[in-house]
């Protein structure tokens, strides 16, 4: 499979999966409420490749040492059969839950999801503000 075929295959997979279906889950009915999950989706792909000129294996031996096969350019200008080529690629996808929409009769409400990171950040900010306020009160009394 060459690089163009691989890129075409990745493009078709992403275009088929991309769209509203990635961000909004399947609606679920619980009693008389419909629930639609919502997520933020992020994905990325990367890759690369390269080649080097062909190398010729030359056997070298010194007195008392084993024979080593060393790849190097041929001193007499002889060409090896094929050039060296290498490449690689990768990709990733991550979803972040944002919340749910609840639909009851004609009323639609959004209920956000609060992660533990957001809770810790909020507690940290509130504690810093409280520390500042207590320092200001103590400075004013002196």
Protein backbone atom coordinates (compact mmCIF):
# COMPACT_ATOMS: atom_id res chain seq x y z
CA UNK A 1 0.00 0.00 0.00
CA UNK A 2 1.52 3.30 -0.99
CA UNK A 3 1.21 6.59 0.84
CA UNK A 4 -1.56 8.01 -1.36
CA UNK A 5 -3.74 4.94 -0.81
CA UNK A 6 -3.18 5.15 2.94
CA UNK A 7 -4.10 8.84 3.05
CA UNK A 8 -7.22 8.20 0.97
CA UNK A 9 -8.27 5.44 3.36
CA UNK A 10 -7.75 7.68 6.41
CA UNK A 11 -9.67 10.50 4.74
CA UNK A 12 -12.65 8.25 4.03
CA UNK A 13 -12.70 6.95 7.62
CA UNK A 14 -12.60 10.45 9.10
CA UNK A 15 -15.20 11.88 6.71
CA UNK A 16 -17.58 8.99 7.41
CA UNK A 17 -17.20 9.35 11.17
CA UNK A 18 -17.08 13.16 11.35
CA UNK A 19 -20.19 15.16 11.86
CA UNK A 20 -22.97 15.54 14.35
CA UNK A 21 -22.85 11.87 15.35
CA UNK A 22 -19.42 12.35 16.92
CA UNK A 23 -20.51 15.19 19.20
CA UNK A 24 -24.07 14.11 19.99
CA UNK A 25 -24.79 10.60 21.23
CA UNK A 26 -27.85 8.51 20.53
CA UNK A 27 -30.99 9.83 22.25
CA UNK A 28 -32.21 7.65 25.12
CA UNK A 29 -35.67 7.67 26.65
CA UNK A 30 -35.94 7.38 30.43
CA UNK A 31 -39.59 7.36 31.57
CA UNK A 32 -40.98 10.49 29.85
CA UNK A 33 -37.62 12.30 29.39
CA UNK A 34 -35.39 12.04 26.33
CA UNK A 35 -31.66 12.37 27.07
CA UNK A 36 -29.04 13.32 24.46
CA UNK A 37 -25.36 13.16 25.55
CA UNK A 38 -23.01 15.86 24.22
CA UNK A 39 -19.22 15.64 23.91
CA UNK A 40 -16.34 17.68 22.54
CA UNK A 41 -14.33 15.64 20.05
CA UNK A 42 -10.71 16.28 19.10
CA UNK A 43 -8.54 14.27 16.75
CA UNK A 44 -5.31 14.62 14.86
CA UNK A 45 -3.08 12.70 12.52
CA UNK A 46 0.54 12.97 11.52
CA UNK A 47 3.11 11.14 9.54
CA UNK A 48 6.29 11.34 7.62
CA UNK A 49 8.79 9.45 5.60
CA UNK A 50 12.17 9.65 4.04
CA UNK A 51 14.74 7.83 2.01
CA UNK A 52 18.46 7.58 1.70
CA UNK A 53 20.70 6.49 -1.14
CA UNK A 54 21.38 2.80 -1.61
CA UNK A 55 24.17 1.23 0.43
CA UNK A 56 26.42 -1.71 -0.45
CA UNK A 57 27.50 -4.28 2.14
CA UNK A 58 31.27 -4.64 2.33
CA UNK A 59 32.93 -7.33 4.42
CA UNK A 60 35.87 -6.02 6.44
CA UNK A 61 38.31 -8.02 8.50
CA UNK A 62 41.29 -7.05 10.54
CA UNK A 63 43.83 -9.41 12.01
CA UNK A 64 42.27 -11.20 15.00
CA UNK A 65 38.80 -9.68 14.62
CA UNK A 66 35.66 -11.32 13.31
CA UNK A 67 34.33 -10.38 9.89
CA UNK A 68 31.87 -7.47 10.06
CA UNK A 69 29.34 -6.50 7.46
CA UNK A 70 29.32 -2.74 7.16
CA UNK A 71 26.84 -0.79 5.06
CA UNK A 72 28.48 2.07 3.25
CA UNK A 73 28.57 3.72 -0.10
CA UNK A 74 30.46 1.62 -2.59
CA UNK A 75 33.96 3.00 -3.23
CA UNK A 76 33.94 1.88 -6.85
CA UNK A 77 30.59 3.55 -7.56
CA UNK A 78 28.64 0.26 -7.70
CA UNK A 79 24.93 0.71 -6.97
CA UNK A 80 22.96 -1.46 -4.59
CA UNK A 81 19.66 -2.93 -5.71
CA UNK A 82 17.32 -0.61 -3.81
CA UNK A 83 17.29 2.60 -1.83
CA UNK A 84 16.45 2.70 1.87
CA UNK A 85 13.00 4.07 2.66
CA UNK A 86 11.24 4.49 5.97
CA UNK A 87 8.11 6.13 7.15
CA UNK A 88 5.56 6.17 9.89
CA UNK A 89 2.44 7.78 11.08
CA UNK A 90 -0.09 7.87 13.82
CA UNK A 91 -3.25 9.41 14.97
CA UNK A 92 -5.40 9.87 17.97
CA UNK A 93 -8.86 10.86 19.02
CA UNK A 94 -10.22 12.01 22.36
CA UNK A 95 -13.69 12.86 23.54
CA UNK A 96 -14.53 15.14 26.44
CA UNK A 97 -18.02 14.85 27.93
CA UNK A 98 -19.67 18.26 28.11
CA UNK A 99 -23.14 17.46 29.37
CA UNK A 100 -26.58 16.21 28.41
CA UNK A 101 -29.71 17.70 26.94
CA UNK A 102 -32.91 16.62 28.64
CA UNK A 103 -36.12 16.97 26.68
CA UNK A 104 -39.42 16.71 28.54
CA UNK A 105 -42.59 17.64 26.69
CA UNK A 106 -41.63 20.92 24.96
CA UNK A 107 -38.93 21.94 27.48
CA UNK A 108 -35.25 21.44 26.60
CA UNK A 109 -32.61 21.88 29.33
CA UNK A 110 -28.84 21.55 29.19
CA UNK A 111 -27.09 19.96 32.19
CA UNK A 112 -23.29 20.48 32.09
CA UNK A 113 -20.86 17.87 33.37
CA UNK A 114 -18.36 19.17 35.90
CA UNK A 115 -15.09 17.24 35.99
CA UNK A 116 -12.91 16.72 39.04
CA UNK A 117 -10.25 19.00 37.48
CA UNK A 118 -12.74 21.86 37.36
CA UNK A 119 -13.76 21.28 40.97
CA UNK A 120 -10.12 21.30 42.15
CA UNK A 121 -9.42 24.47 40.16
CA UNK A 122 -12.49 26.18 41.66
CA UNK A 123 -11.50 25.21 45.21
CA UNK A 124 -7.94 26.47 44.61
CA UNK A 125 -9.12 29.83 43.29
CA UNK A 126 -11.61 30.26 46.14
CA UNK A 127 -8.99 29.42 48.78
CA UNK A 128 -6.54 31.95 47.27
CA UNK A 129 -9.23 34.65 47.30
CA UNK A 130 -10.10 33.87 50.93
CA UNK A 131 -6.41 34.02 51.93
CA UNK A 132 -6.08 37.44 50.27
CA UNK A 133 -9.20 38.73 52.01
CA UNK A 134 -8.00 37.58 55.45
CA UNK A 135 -4.60 39.23 54.87
CA UNK A 136 -6.31 42.49 53.94
CA UNK A 137 -8.43 42.39 57.11
CA UNK A 138 -5.39 41.77 59.31
CA UNK A 139 -3.44 44.63 57.69
CA UNK A 140 -6.35 47.02 58.26
CA UNK A 141 -6.51 46.23 62.02
CA UNK A 142 -2.82 46.98 62.69
